[in-house]
Amino acid sequence: PTAEPVYNSGTKPDLEGKTLKKNSQSEAVFWVQKRLTELGYYTGKCSGKILNGTVNALKEFQRSAGLKVSGNITQETVDALYAAELPTPEPTPESTPKPTE
């Protein structure tokens, strides 16, 4: 058997412009299944293949996130899945010089 991919919830997969549909199989699918599991949308096996359970979980997540409900994995869906996980960079405030005596 193939070893399970290493999952790190602090990063997200890059789909490189692809849309992953039912029966697609990849490491990105595995990562999305893991994230859906963390968020409570998916309870199936994280196999890396999009089957009915994954499609249903994706649709439920997409609906709750206000996205187009397709059951497909798009970069927009991935970005929304990881939005709460990945910090948004804060601008660094410029320091104000202190007056010298």
PDB file of N, CA and C in Angstrom:
ATOM      1  N   PRO A   1       0.828  -1.202   0.000  1.00  0.00           N
ATOM      2  CA  PRO A   1       0.000   0.000   0.000  1.00  0.00           C
ATOM      3  C   PRO A   1       0.872   1.266   0.000  1.00  0.00           C
ATOM      4  N   THR A   2       0.333   2.305  -0.617  1.00  0.00           N
ATOM      5  CA  THR A   2       1.021   3.589  -0.675  1.00  0.00           C
ATOM      6  C   THR A   2       0.876   4.301   0.655  1.00  0.00           C
ATOM      7  N   ALA A   3       1.963   4.926   1.098  1.00  0.00           N
ATOM      8  CA  ALA A   3       1.921   5.659   2.364  1.00  0.00           C
ATOM      9  C   ALA A   3       1.008   6.874   2.230  1.00  0.00           C
ATOM     10  N   GLU A   4       0.342   7.213   3.331  1.00  0.00           N
ATOM     11  CA  GLU A   4      -0.540   8.371   3.359  1.00  0.00           C
ATOM     12  C   GLU A   4       0.312   9.636   3.246  1.00  0.00           C
ATOM     13  N   PRO A   5      -0.129  10.615   2.445  1.00  0.00           N
ATOM     14  CA  PRO A   5       0.643  11.864   2.338  1.00  0.00           C
ATOM     15  C   PRO A   5       0.748  12.569   3.687  1.00  0.00           C
ATOM     16  N   VAL A   6       1.792  13.329   3.863  1.00  0.00           N
ATOM     17  CA  VAL A   6       1.961  14.109   5.083  1.00  0.00           C
ATOM     18  C   VAL A   6       1.056  15.328   4.980  1.00  0.00           C
ATOM     19  N   TYR A   7       0.232  15.529   5.998  1.00  0.00           N
ATOM     20  CA  TYR A   7      -0.722  16.641   5.997  1.00  0.00           C
ATOM     21  C   TYR A   7      -0.286  17.693   6.998  1.00  0.00           C
ATOM     22  N   ASN A   8      -0.299  18.954   6.582  1.00  0.00           N
ATOM     23  CA  ASN A   8       0.014  20.072   7.447  1.00  0.00           C
ATOM     24  C   ASN A   8      -1.101  21.089   7.296  1.00  0.00           C
ATOM     25  N   SER A   9      -1.908  21.260   8.328  1.00  0.00           N
ATOM     26  CA  SER A   9      -3.061  22.155   8.212  1.00  0.00           C
ATOM     27  C   SER A   9      -2.669  23.624   8.114  1.00  0.00           C
ATOM     28  N   GLY A  10      -1.397  23.937   8.300  1.00  0.00           N
ATOM     29  CA  GLY A  10      -0.952  25.318   8.207  1.00  0.00           C
ATOM     30  C   GLY A  10      -0.627  25.761   6.787  1.00  0.00           C
ATOM     31  N   THR A  11      -0.739  24.855   5.825  1.00  0.00           N
ATOM     32  CA  THR A  11      -0.508  25.211   4.427  1.00  0.00           C
ATOM     33  C   THR A  11      -1.670  24.672   3.607  1.00  0.00           C
ATOM     34  N   LYS A  12      -1.771  25.127   2.368  1.00  0.00           N
ATOM     35  CA  LYS A  12      -2.877  24.655   1.531  1.00  0.00           C
ATOM     36  C   LYS A  12      -2.345  24.223   0.172  1.00  0.00           C
ATOM     37  N   PRO A  13      -3.055  23.286  -0.466  1.00  0.00           N
ATOM     38  CA  PRO A  13      -2.613  22.842  -1.784  1.00  0.00           C
ATOM     39  C   PRO A  13      -2.877  23.897  -2.855  1.00  0.00           C
ATOM     40  N   ASP A  14      -2.028  23.904  -3.863  1.00  0.00           N
ATOM     41  CA  ASP A  14      -2.207  24.784  -5.019  1.00  0.00           C
ATOM     42  C   ASP A  14      -2.681  23.913  -6.180  1.00  0.00           C
ATOM     43  N   LEU A  15      -3.848  24.199  -6.693  1.00  0.00           N
ATOM     44  CA  LEU A  15      -4.424  23.390  -7.770  1.00  0.00           C
ATOM     45  C   LEU A  15      -3.886  23.763  -9.142  1.00  0.00           C
ATOM     46  N   GLU A  16      -3.075  24.813  -9.205  1.00  0.00           N
ATOM     47  CA  GLU A  16      -2.480  25.253 -10.472  1.00  0.00           C
ATOM     48  C   GLU A  16      -3.532  25.456 -11.555  1.00  0.00           C
ATOM     49  N   GLY A  17      -4.659  26.054 -11.178  1.00  0.00           N
ATOM     50  CA  GLY A  17      -5.715  26.366 -12.130  1.00  0.00           C
ATOM     51  C   GLY A  17      -6.646  25.214 -12.480  1.00  0.00           C
ATOM     52  N   LYS A  18      -6.416  24.033 -11.903  1.00  0.00           N
ATOM     53  CA  LYS A  18      -7.250  22.867 -12.223  1.00  0.00           C
ATOM     54  C   LYS A  18      -8.502  22.848 -11.359  1.00  0.00           C
ATOM     55  N   THR A  19      -9.530  22.197 -11.869  1.00  0.00           N
ATOM     56  CA  THR A  19     -10.733  21.893 -11.100  1.00  0.00           C
ATOM     57  C   THR A  19     -10.775  20.384 -10.942  1.00  0.00           C
ATOM     58  N   LEU A  20     -10.869  19.925  -9.706  1.00  0.00           N
ATOM     59  CA  LEU A  20     -10.914  18.484  -9.439  1.00  0.00           C
ATOM     60  C   LEU A  20     -12.361  18.065  -9.251  1.00  0.00           C
ATOM     61  N   LYS A  21     -12.779  17.076 -10.022  1.00  0.00           N
ATOM     62  CA  LYS A  21     -14.168  16.621 -10.028  1.00  0.00           C
ATOM     63  C   LYS A  21     -14.261  15.191  -9.509  1.00  0.00           C
ATOM     64  N   LYS A  22     -15.507  14.691  -9.413  1.00  0.00           N
ATOM     65  CA  LYS A  22     -15.749  13.336  -8.927  1.00  0.00           C
ATOM     66  C   LYS A  22     -14.841  12.344  -9.657  1.00  0.00           C
ATOM     67  N   ASN A  23     -14.275  11.431  -8.894  1.00  0.00           N
ATOM     68  CA  ASN A  23     -13.335  10.393  -9.323  1.00  0.00           C
ATOM     69  C   ASN A  23     -11.913  10.900  -9.538  1.00  0.00           C
ATOM     70  N   SER A  24     -11.670  12.223  -9.372  1.00  0.00           N
ATOM     71  CA  SER A  24     -10.297  12.722  -9.407  1.00  0.00           C
ATOM     72  C   SER A  24      -9.562  12.145  -8.205  1.00  0.00           C
ATOM     73  N   GLN A  25      -8.287  11.880  -8.384  1.00  0.00           N
ATOM     74  CA  GLN A  25      -7.484  11.329  -7.302  1.00  0.00           C
ATOM     75  C   GLN A  25      -6.140  12.044  -7.283  1.00  0.00           C
ATOM     76  N   SER A  26      -5.799  12.617  -6.122  1.00  0.00           N
ATOM     77  CA  SER A  26      -4.523  13.319  -5.999  1.00  0.00           C
ATOM     78  C   SER A  26      -4.248  13.615  -4.531  1.00  0.00           C
ATOM     79  N   GLU A  27      -3.034  14.089  -4.272  1.00  0.00           N
ATOM     80  CA  GLU A  27      -2.675  14.496  -2.917  1.00  0.00           C
ATOM     81  C   GLU A  27      -3.493  15.711  -2.494  1.00  0.00           C
ATOM     82  N   ALA A  28      -3.819  16.601  -3.442  1.00  0.00           N
ATOM     83  CA  ALA A  28      -4.637  17.774  -3.122  1.00  0.00           C
ATOM     84  C   ALA A  28      -6.011  17.347  -2.617  1.00  0.00           C
ATOM     85  N   VAL A  29      -6.581  16.297  -3.207  1.00  0.00           N
ATOM     86  CA  VAL A  29      -7.876  15.784  -2.744  1.00  0.00           C
ATOM     87  C   VAL A  29      -7.743  15.290  -1.308  1.00  0.00           C
ATOM     88  N   PHE A  30      -6.658  14.571  -1.013  1.00  0.00           N
ATOM     89  CA  PHE A  30      -6.409  14.087   0.346  1.00  0.00           C
ATOM     90  C   PHE A  30      -6.389  15.261   1.317  1.00  0.00           C
ATOM     91  N   TRP A  31      -5.666  16.335   0.969  1.00  0.00           N
ATOM     92  CA  TRP A  31      -5.572  17.508   1.836  1.00  0.00           C
ATOM     93  C   TRP A  31      -6.943  18.140   2.056  1.00  0.00           C
ATOM     94  N   VAL A  32      -7.730  18.244   1.005  1.00  0.00           N
ATOM     95  CA  VAL A  32      -9.069  18.833   1.134  1.00  0.00           C
ATOM     96  C   VAL A  32      -9.946  17.948   2.021  1.00  0.00           C
ATOM     97  N   GLN A  33      -9.849  16.633   1.851  1.00  0.00           N
ATOM     98  CA  GLN A  33     -10.616  15.726   2.717  1.00  0.00           C
ATOM     99  C   GLN A  33     -10.216  15.905   4.183  1.00  0.00           C
ATOM    100  N   LYS A  34      -8.929  16.037   4.444  1.00  0.00           N
ATOM    101  CA  LYS A  34      -8.450  16.241   5.815  1.00  0.00           C
ATOM    102  C   LYS A  34      -9.006  17.545   6.384  1.00  0.00           C
ATOM    103  N   ARG A  35      -8.978  18.600   5.579  1.00  0.00           N
ATOM    104  CA  ARG A  35      -9.472  19.898   6.043  1.00  0.00           C
ATOM    105  C   ARG A  35     -10.980  19.855   6.272  1.00  0.00           C
ATOM    106  N   LEU A  36     -11.712  19.215   5.373  1.00  0.00           N
ATOM    107  CA  LEU A  36     -13.161  19.065   5.562  1.00  0.00           C
ATOM    108  C   LEU A  36     -13.456  18.276   6.832  1.00  0.00           C
ATOM    109  N   THR A  37     -12.611  17.297   7.137  1.00  0.00           N
ATOM    110  CA  THR A  37     -12.763  16.508   8.368  1.00  0.00           C
ATOM    111  C   THR A  37     -12.532  17.407   9.583  1.00  0.00           C
ATOM    112  N   GLU A  38     -11.468  18.204   9.558  1.00  0.00           N
ATOM    113  CA  GLU A  38     -11.169  19.119  10.665  1.00  0.00           C
ATOM    114  C   GLU A  38     -12.323  20.074  10.925  1.00  0.00           C
ATOM    115  N   LEU A  39     -12.980  20.501   9.862  1.00  0.00           N
ATOM    116  CA  LEU A  39     -14.075  21.465   9.983  1.00  0.00           C
ATOM    117  C   LEU A  39     -15.423  20.805  10.263  1.00  0.00           C
ATOM    118  N   GLY A  40     -15.461  19.464  10.293  1.00  0.00           N
ATOM    119  CA  GLY A  40     -16.687  18.745  10.631  1.00  0.00           C
ATOM    120  C   GLY A  40     -17.634  18.476   9.471  1.00  0.00           C
ATOM    121  N   TYR A  41     -17.176  18.663   8.244  1.00  0.00           N
ATOM    122  CA  TYR A  41     -18.031  18.425   7.084  1.00  0.00           C
ATOM    123  C   TYR A  41     -17.901  17.011   6.536  1.00  0.00           C
ATOM    124  N   TYR A  42     -16.787  16.368   6.801  1.00  0.00           N
ATOM    125  CA  TYR A  42     -16.511  15.058   6.186  1.00  0.00           C
ATOM    126  C   TYR A  42     -16.174  14.052   7.265  1.00  0.00           C
ATOM    127  N   THR A  43     -16.778  12.865   7.155  1.00  0.00           N
ATOM    128  CA  THR A  43     -16.522  11.820   8.151  1.00  0.00           C
ATOM    129  C   THR A  43     -16.007  10.538   7.517  1.00  0.00           C
ATOM    130  N   GLY A  44     -15.803  10.555   6.218  1.00  0.00           N
ATOM    131  CA  GLY A  44     -15.341   9.354   5.522  1.00  0.00           C
ATOM    132  C   GLY A  44     -13.840   9.168   5.615  1.00  0.00           C
ATOM    133  N   LYS A  45     -13.352   8.194   4.869  1.00  0.00           N
ATOM    134  CA  LYS A  45     -11.928   7.901   4.808  1.00  0.00           C
ATOM    135  C   LYS A  45     -11.250   8.918   3.900  1.00  0.00           C
ATOM    136  N   CYS A  46     -10.134   9.436   4.349  1.00  0.00           N
ATOM    137  CA  CYS A  46      -9.355  10.381   3.540  1.00  0.00           C
ATOM    138  C   CYS A  46      -8.481   9.562   2.605  1.00  0.00           C
ATOM    139  N   SER A  47      -9.034   9.279   1.431  1.00  0.00           N
ATOM    140  CA  SER A  47      -8.401   8.369   0.478  1.00  0.00           C
ATOM    141  C   SER A  47      -7.660   9.087  -0.642  1.00  0.00           C
ATOM    142  N   GLY A  48      -7.937  10.380  -0.801  1.00  0.00           N
ATOM    143  CA  GLY A  48      -7.335  11.109  -1.908  1.00  0.00           C
ATOM    144  C   GLY A  48      -8.131  11.001  -3.191  1.00  0.00           C
ATOM    145  N   LYS A  49      -9.305  10.378  -3.123  1.00  0.00           N
ATOM    146  CA  LYS A  49     -10.163  10.237  -4.300  1.00  0.00           C
ATOM    147  C   LYS A  49     -11.527  10.847  -3.994  1.00  0.00           C
ATOM    148  N   ILE A  50     -12.049  11.622  -4.938  1.00  0.00           N
ATOM    149  CA  ILE A  50     -13.354  12.263  -4.746  1.00  0.00           C
ATOM    150  C   ILE A  50     -14.454  11.260  -5.082  1.00  0.00           C
ATOM    151  N   LEU A  51     -15.151  10.826  -4.048  1.00  0.00           N
ATOM    152  CA  LEU A  51     -16.317   9.962  -4.211  1.00  0.00           C
ATOM    153  C   LEU A  51     -17.529  10.701  -3.642  1.00  0.00           C
ATOM    154  N   ASN A  52     -18.672  10.035  -3.557  1.00  0.00           N
ATOM    155  CA  ASN A  52     -19.911  10.692  -3.146  1.00  0.00           C
ATOM    156  C   ASN A  52     -19.809  11.425  -1.816  1.00  0.00           C
ATOM    157  N   GLY A  53     -19.166  10.826  -0.818  1.00  0.00           N
ATOM    158  CA  GLY A  53     -19.043  11.465   0.497  1.00  0.00           C
ATOM    159  C   GLY A  53     -18.294  12.783   0.422  1.00  0.00           C
ATOM    160  N   THR A  54     -17.243  12.809  -0.382  1.00  0.00           N
ATOM    161  CA  THR A  54     -16.463  14.033  -0.541  1.00  0.00           C
ATOM    162  C   THR A  54     -17.281  15.086  -1.284  1.00  0.00           C
ATOM    163  N   VAL A  55     -17.971  14.667  -2.332  1.00  0.00           N
ATOM    164  CA  VAL A  55     -18.820  15.592  -3.093  1.00  0.00           C
ATOM    165  C   VAL A  55     -19.855  16.224  -2.167  1.00  0.00           C
ATOM    166  N   ASN A  56     -20.518  15.403  -1.340  1.00  0.00           N
ATOM    167  CA  ASN A  56     -21.544  15.919  -0.427  1.00  0.00           C
ATOM    168  C   ASN A  56     -20.954  16.887   0.596  1.00  0.00           C
ATOM    169  N   ALA A  57     -19.775  16.554   1.131  1.00  0.00           N
ATOM    170  CA  ALA A  57     -19.113  17.427   2.102  1.00  0.00           C
ATOM    171  C   ALA A  57     -18.710  18.749   1.454  1.00  0.00           C
ATOM    172  N   LEU A  58     -18.192  18.666   0.227  1.00  0.00           N
ATOM    173  CA  LEU A  58     -17.818  19.882  -0.500  1.00  0.00           C
ATOM    174  C   LEU A  58     -19.035  20.774  -0.732  1.00  0.00           C
ATOM    175  N   LYS A  59     -20.134  20.169  -1.153  1.00  0.00           N
ATOM    176  CA  LYS A  59     -21.352  20.948  -1.407  1.00  0.00           C
ATOM    177  C   LYS A  59     -21.832  21.630  -0.132  1.00  0.00           C
ATOM    178  N   GLU A  60     -21.811  20.913   0.988  1.00  0.00           N
ATOM    179  CA  GLU A  60     -22.247  21.486   2.262  1.00  0.00           C
ATOM    180  C   GLU A  60     -21.334  22.653   2.650  1.00  0.00           C
ATOM    181  N   PHE A  61     -20.021  22.456   2.509  1.00  0.00           N
ATOM    182  CA  PHE A  61     -19.082  23.532   2.829  1.00  0.00           C
ATOM    183  C   PHE A  61     -19.285  24.721   1.901  1.00  0.00           C
ATOM    184  N   GLN A  62     -19.371  24.460   0.603  1.00  0.00           N
ATOM    185  CA  GLN A  62     -19.536  25.545  -0.366  1.00  0.00           C
ATOM    186  C   GLN A  62     -20.805  26.348  -0.072  1.00  0.00           C
ATOM    187  N   ARG A  63     -21.878  25.649   0.256  1.00  0.00           N
ATOM    188  CA  ARG A  63     -23.147  26.323   0.579  1.00  0.00           C
ATOM    189  C   ARG A  63     -22.951  27.236   1.793  1.00  0.00           C
ATOM    190  N   SER A  64     -22.314  26.715   2.846  1.00  0.00           N
ATOM    191  CA  SER A  64     -22.154  27.496   4.076  1.00  0.00           C
ATOM    192  C   SER A  64     -21.168  28.648   3.899  1.00  0.00           C
ATOM    193  N   ALA A  65     -20.241  28.534   2.930  1.00  0.00           N
ATOM    194  CA  ALA A  65     -19.249  29.585   2.694  1.00  0.00           C
ATOM    195  C   ALA A  65     -19.718  30.602   1.656  1.00  0.00           C
ATOM    196  N   GLY A  66     -20.922  30.403   1.106  1.00  0.00           N
ATOM    197  CA  GLY A  66     -21.453  31.333   0.112  1.00  0.00           C
ATOM    198  C   GLY A  66     -20.789  31.207  -1.254  1.00  0.00           C
ATOM    199  N   LEU A  67     -20.235  30.020  -1.537  1.00  0.00           N
ATOM    200  CA  LEU A  67     -19.588  29.771  -2.822  1.00  0.00           C
ATOM    201  C   LEU A  67     -20.569  29.096  -3.778  1.00  0.00           C
ATOM    202  N   LYS A  68     -20.203  29.035  -5.051  1.00  0.00           N
ATOM    203  CA  LYS A  68     -20.982  28.275  -6.022  1.00  0.00           C
ATOM    204  C   LYS A  68     -20.952  26.809  -5.584  1.00  0.00           C
ATOM    205  N   VAL A  69     -22.124  26.197  -5.456  1.00  0.00           N
ATOM    206  CA  VAL A  69     -22.233  24.819  -4.980  1.00  0.00           C
ATOM    207  C   VAL A  69     -22.097  23.865  -6.159  1.00  0.00           C
ATOM    208  N   SER A  70     -20.943  23.197  -6.235  1.00  0.00           N
ATOM    209  CA  SER A  70     -20.679  22.299  -7.360  1.00  0.00           C
ATOM    210  C   SER A  70     -20.235  20.909  -6.920  1.00  0.00           C
ATOM    211  N   GLY A  71     -19.674  20.813  -5.718  1.00  0.00           N
ATOM    212  CA  GLY A  71     -19.104  19.539  -5.294  1.00  0.00           C
ATOM    213  C   GLY A  71     -17.740  19.289  -5.902  1.00  0.00           C
ATOM    214  N   ASN A  72     -17.223  20.255  -6.656  1.00  0.00           N
ATOM    215  CA  ASN A  72     -15.890  20.165  -7.241  1.00  0.00           C
ATOM    216  C   ASN A  72     -14.896  20.927  -6.365  1.00  0.00           C
ATOM    217  N   ILE A  73     -13.633  20.584  -6.483  1.00  0.00           N
ATOM    218  CA  ILE A  73     -12.593  21.308  -5.762  1.00  0.00           C
ATOM    219  C   ILE A  73     -11.975  22.321  -6.723  1.00  0.00           C
ATOM    220  N   THR A  74     -12.178  23.589  -6.403  1.00  0.00           N
ATOM    221  CA  THR A  74     -11.571  24.674  -7.167  1.00  0.00           C
ATOM    222  C   THR A  74     -10.613  25.407  -6.233  1.00  0.00           C
ATOM    223  N   GLN A  75      -9.768  26.258  -6.786  1.00  0.00           N
ATOM    224  CA  GLN A  75      -8.858  27.019  -5.923  1.00  0.00           C
ATOM    225  C   GLN A  75      -9.649  27.934  -4.999  1.00  0.00           C
ATOM    226  N   GLU A  76     -10.787  28.445  -5.466  1.00  0.00           N
ATOM    227  CA  GLU A  76     -11.644  29.287  -4.630  1.00  0.00           C
ATOM    228  C   GLU A  76     -12.127  28.507  -3.401  1.00  0.00           C
ATOM    229  N   THR A  77     -12.511  27.239  -3.612  1.00  0.00           N
ATOM    230  CA  THR A  77     -12.952  26.398  -2.496  1.00  0.00           C
ATOM    231  C   THR A  77     -11.793  26.133  -1.540  1.00  0.00           C
ATOM    232  N   VAL A  78     -10.621  25.808  -2.086  1.00  0.00           N
ATOM    233  CA  VAL A  78      -9.442  25.557  -1.248  1.00  0.00           C
ATOM    234  C   VAL A  78      -9.109  26.805  -0.429  1.00  0.00           C
ATOM    235  N   ASP A  79      -9.124  27.969  -1.068  1.00  0.00           N
ATOM    236  CA  ASP A  79      -8.821  29.213  -0.364  1.00  0.00           C
ATOM    237  C   ASP A  79      -9.799  29.443   0.784  1.00  0.00           C
ATOM    238  N   ALA A  80     -11.087  29.184   0.539  1.00  0.00           N
ATOM    239  CA  ALA A  80     -12.101  29.357   1.582  1.00  0.00           C
ATOM    240  C   ALA A  80     -11.922  28.335   2.702  1.00  0.00           C
ATOM    241  N   LEU A  81     -11.575  27.108   2.349  1.00  0.00           N
ATOM    242  CA  LEU A  81     -11.356  26.073   3.373  1.00  0.00           C
ATOM    243  C   LEU A  81     -10.249  26.454   4.336  1.00  0.00           C
ATOM    244  N   TYR A  82      -9.226  27.076   3.815  1.00  0.00           N
ATOM    245  CA  TYR A  82      -8.057  27.394   4.638  1.00  0.00           C
ATOM    246  C   TYR A  82      -8.031  28.846   5.118  1.00  0.00           C
ATOM    247  N   ALA A  83      -9.042  29.636   4.794  1.00  0.00           N
ATOM    248  CA  ALA A  83      -9.050  31.056   5.149  1.00  0.00           C
ATOM    249  C   ALA A  83      -8.894  31.279   6.648  1.00  0.00           C
ATOM    250  N   ALA A  84      -9.567  30.506   7.461  1.00  0.00           N
ATOM    251  CA  ALA A  84      -9.491  30.693   8.908  1.00  0.00           C
ATOM    252  C   ALA A  84      -8.178  30.153   9.468  1.00  0.00           C
ATOM    253  N   GLU A  85      -7.560  29.219   8.778  1.00  0.00           N
ATOM    254  CA  GLU A  85      -6.348  28.567   9.261  1.00  0.00           C
ATOM    255  C   GLU A  85      -5.102  29.411   9.016  1.00  0.00           C
ATOM    256  N   LEU A  86      -5.009  29.992   7.844  1.00  0.00           N
ATOM    257  CA  LEU A  86      -3.803  30.719   7.472  1.00  0.00           C
ATOM    258  C   LEU A  86      -3.926  32.184   7.865  1.00  0.00           C
ATOM    259  N   PRO A  87      -2.952  32.710   8.560  1.00  0.00           N
ATOM    260  CA  PRO A  87      -3.045  34.104   8.991  1.00  0.00           C
ATOM    261  C   PRO A  87      -2.951  35.073   7.818  1.00  0.00           C
ATOM    262  N   THR A  88      -3.706  36.148   7.909  1.00  0.00           N
ATOM    263  CA  THR A  88      -3.612  37.208   6.926  1.00  0.00           C
ATOM    264  C   THR A  88      -2.478  38.120   7.362  1.00  0.00           C
ATOM    265  N   PRO A  89      -1.528  38.385   6.487  1.00  0.00           N
ATOM    266  CA  PRO A  89      -0.408  39.232   6.897  1.00  0.00           C
ATOM    267  C   PRO A  89      -0.877  40.616   7.323  1.00  0.00           C
ATOM    268  N   GLU A  90      -0.398  41.055   8.471  1.00  0.00           N
ATOM    269  CA  GLU A  90      -0.723  42.387   8.975  1.00  0.00           C
ATOM    270  C   GLU A  90       0.356  43.349   8.498  1.00  0.00           C
ATOM    271  N   PRO A  91      -0.024  44.543   8.084  1.00  0.00           N
ATOM    272  CA  PRO A  91       1.016  45.505   7.714  1.00  0.00           C
ATOM    273  C   PRO A  91       1.837  45.871   8.944  1.00  0.00           C
ATOM    274  N   THR A  92       3.116  46.000   8.757  1.00  0.00           N
ATOM    275  CA  THR A  92       3.991  46.373   9.860  1.00  0.00           C
ATOM    276  C   THR A  92       3.938  47.885  10.025  1.00  0.00           C
ATOM    277  N   PRO A  93       3.562  48.335  11.228  1.00  0.00           N
ATOM    278  CA  PRO A  93       3.499  49.788  11.418  1.00  0.00           C
ATOM    279  C   PRO A  93       4.907  50.387  11.400  1.00  0.00           C
ATOM    280  N   GLU A  94       4.993  51.568  10.825  1.00  0.00           N
ATOM    281  CA  GLU A  94       6.277  52.243  10.809  1.00  0.00           C
ATOM    282  C   GLU A  94       6.518  52.844  12.185  1.00  0.00           C
ATOM    283  N   SER A  95       7.757  52.738  12.647  1.00  0.00           N
ATOM    284  CA  SER A  95       8.051  53.286  13.964  1.00  0.00           C
ATOM    285  C   SER A  95       8.222  54.808  13.856  1.00  0.00           C
ATOM    286  N   THR A  96       7.783  55.476  14.896  1.00  0.00           N
ATOM    287  CA  THR A  96       7.920  56.922  14.954  1.00  0.00           C
ATOM    288  C   THR A  96       9.231  57.249  15.658  1.00  0.00           C
ATOM    289  N   PRO A  97      10.066  58.065  15.043  1.00  0.00           N
ATOM    290  CA  PRO A  97      11.342  58.379  15.695  1.00  0.00           C
ATOM    291  C   PRO A  97      11.109  59.143  17.000  1.00  0.00           C
ATOM    292  N   LYS A  98      11.878  58.797  17.995  1.00  0.00           N
ATOM    293  CA  LYS A  98      11.760  59.474  19.289  1.00  0.00           C
ATOM    294  C   LYS A  98      12.634  60.727  19.259  1.00  0.00           C
ATOM    295  N   PRO A  99      12.121  61.789  19.835  1.00  0.00           N
ATOM    296  CA  PRO A  99      12.922  63.025  19.850  1.00  0.00           C
ATOM    297  C   PRO A  99      14.176  62.844  20.701  1.00  0.00           C
ATOM    298  N   THR A 100      15.240  63.435  20.291  1.00  0.00           N
ATOM    299  CA  THR A 100      16.487  63.369  21.062  1.00  0.00           C
ATOM    300  C   THR A 100      16.621  64.642  21.886  1.00  0.00           C
ATOM    301  N   GLU A 101      17.335  64.551  22.955  1.00  0.00           N
ATOM    302  CA  GLU A 101      17.498  65.714  23.822  1.00  0.00           C
ATOM    303  C   GLU A 101      18.640  66.580  23.388  1.00  0.00           C
TER     304      GLU A 101
END
